[in-house]
């Protein structure tokens, strides 16, 4: 099941491979830092794309969404707008914000894979 592998690569890439403290604190204020994070994030998926038969445009869609969400979407503000402001405060935060961010990334990945013929 390719979807599971891609989600696993997403988690690995987003946390272990493409991000350090320097990037994490600057990616929402500097497009160049977020672009670097998104490119590094997409490299493992791009490497596995030929093996798994994933078109390059799918990797591009995932990387573009990753950039847009990480650069411009403030998850804590989204949760507050949704009426879930308690989740941006301790004891839930920061893990609730991180989890919400990851869920949105993964929903996009699932949606993109549903579009593949």
Protein backbone atom coordinates (compact mmCIF):
# COMPACT_ATOMS: atom_id res chain seq x y z
CA UNK A 1 0.00 0.00 0.00
CA UNK A 2 1.82 3.06 -1.29
CA UNK A 3 -0.23 5.54 0.77
CA UNK A 4 1.13 4.16 4.04
CA UNK A 5 4.70 4.36 2.78
CA UNK A 6 4.22 7.95 1.65
CA UNK A 7 2.73 8.95 5.01
CA UNK A 8 5.68 7.31 6.75
CA UNK A 9 8.14 9.15 4.49
CA UNK A 10 6.22 12.36 5.25
CA UNK A 11 6.70 11.95 9.00
CA UNK A 12 10.35 11.01 8.63
CA UNK A 13 11.03 13.89 6.25
CA UNK A 14 9.15 16.53 8.19
CA UNK A 15 10.69 15.77 11.58
CA UNK A 16 13.99 13.94 11.13
CA UNK A 17 15.36 14.79 7.72
CA UNK A 18 14.48 18.33 6.77
CA UNK A 19 14.20 20.36 9.89
CA UNK A 20 16.46 21.72 12.55
CA UNK A 21 15.73 24.28 15.24
CA UNK A 22 17.02 27.07 13.01
CA UNK A 23 14.56 26.15 10.25
CA UNK A 24 11.65 25.57 12.58
CA UNK A 25 11.81 29.04 14.10
CA UNK A 26 12.35 30.85 10.78
CA UNK A 27 10.19 29.03 8.24
CA UNK A 28 7.04 31.03 9.03
CA UNK A 29 8.81 34.35 8.62
CA UNK A 30 11.24 33.71 5.75
CA UNK A 31 10.06 32.18 2.49
CA UNK A 32 13.60 31.15 1.58
CA UNK A 33 13.94 29.08 4.76
CA UNK A 34 10.53 27.49 4.24
CA UNK A 35 11.40 26.75 0.59
CA UNK A 36 14.63 25.06 1.70
CA UNK A 37 12.68 23.03 4.26
CA UNK A 38 10.11 22.03 1.61
CA UNK A 39 12.79 20.99 -0.90
CA UNK A 40 14.66 18.94 1.70
CA UNK A 41 11.34 17.50 2.87
CA UNK A 42 10.46 16.34 -0.64
CA UNK A 43 13.81 14.70 -1.48
CA UNK A 44 13.09 11.29 0.14
CA UNK A 45 9.70 11.13 -1.55
CA UNK A 46 11.24 12.18 -4.85
CA UNK A 47 13.87 9.46 -4.47
CA UNK A 48 11.21 6.81 -3.87
CA UNK A 49 8.79 8.07 -6.54
CA UNK A 50 10.23 5.94 -9.39
CA UNK A 51 10.30 2.85 -7.18
CA UNK A 52 6.69 3.31 -6.12
CA UNK A 53 5.49 4.52 -9.52
CA UNK A 54 4.51 7.97 -8.23
CA UNK A 55 4.44 10.70 -10.88
CA UNK A 56 6.72 13.68 -10.24
CA UNK A 57 3.72 16.03 -10.40
CA UNK A 58 2.33 14.29 -7.31
CA UNK A 59 5.55 14.96 -5.40
CA UNK A 60 5.39 18.57 -6.62
CA UNK A 61 1.80 18.97 -5.38
CA UNK A 62 2.73 17.59 -1.98
CA UNK A 63 5.83 19.82 -1.73
CA UNK A 64 3.92 22.96 -2.80
CA UNK A 65 1.17 22.36 -0.25
CA UNK A 66 3.81 21.67 2.39
CA UNK A 67 5.47 25.01 1.66
CA UNK A 68 2.20 26.95 1.66
CA UNK A 69 0.94 25.42 4.89
CA UNK A 70 4.23 25.72 6.76
CA UNK A 71 4.91 29.26 5.57
CA UNK A 72 1.51 30.90 5.77
CA UNK A 73 -0.85 28.92 8.01
CA UNK A 74 -0.58 29.63 11.73
CA UNK A 75 -2.11 26.51 13.25
CA UNK A 76 -2.71 28.08 16.64
CA UNK A 77 -4.76 30.85 15.02
CA UNK A 78 -6.73 28.29 12.98
CA UNK A 79 -7.58 26.35 16.13
CA UNK A 80 -8.71 29.56 17.86
CA UNK A 81 -10.90 30.49 14.86
CA UNK A 82 -12.43 27.02 15.02
CA UNK A 83 -13.42 27.65 18.63
CA UNK A 84 -10.74 25.29 19.96
CA UNK A 85 -8.58 27.91 21.68
CA UNK A 86 -8.09 25.71 24.73
CA UNK A 87 -5.89 23.46 22.59
CA UNK A 88 -3.31 26.20 22.05
CA UNK A 89 -2.72 26.46 25.81
CA UNK A 90 -1.02 24.05 28.20
CA UNK A 91 -1.40 21.21 28.89
CA UNK A 92 -2.44 20.51 25.27
CA UNK A 93 -0.03 22.82 23.50
CA UNK A 94 2.36 22.50 21.71
CA UNK A 95 1.52 18.89 20.83
CA UNK A 96 -2.07 19.62 19.87
CA UNK A 97 -0.89 22.28 17.39
CA UNK A 98 1.76 19.94 15.95
CA UNK A 99 -0.77 17.12 15.65
CA UNK A 100 -3.31 19.37 13.91
CA UNK A 101 -0.61 20.54 11.48
CA UNK A 102 0.37 16.95 10.69
CA UNK A 103 -3.24 15.89 10.20
CA UNK A 104 -3.74 18.62 7.61
CA UNK A 105 -0.55 17.63 5.77
CA UNK A 106 -1.63 13.98 5.76
CA UNK A 107 -5.17 14.78 4.61
CA UNK A 108 -3.66 16.59 1.63
CA UNK A 109 -1.43 13.62 0.83
CA UNK A 110 -4.42 11.26 0.98
CA UNK A 111 -6.45 13.59 -1.24
CA UNK A 112 -3.66 13.81 -3.82
CA UNK A 113 -3.33 10.04 -3.89
CA UNK A 114 -7.08 9.69 -4.41
CA UNK A 115 -6.66 11.83 -7.56
CA UNK A 116 -4.02 9.57 -9.10
CA UNK A 117 -5.60 7.47 -11.85
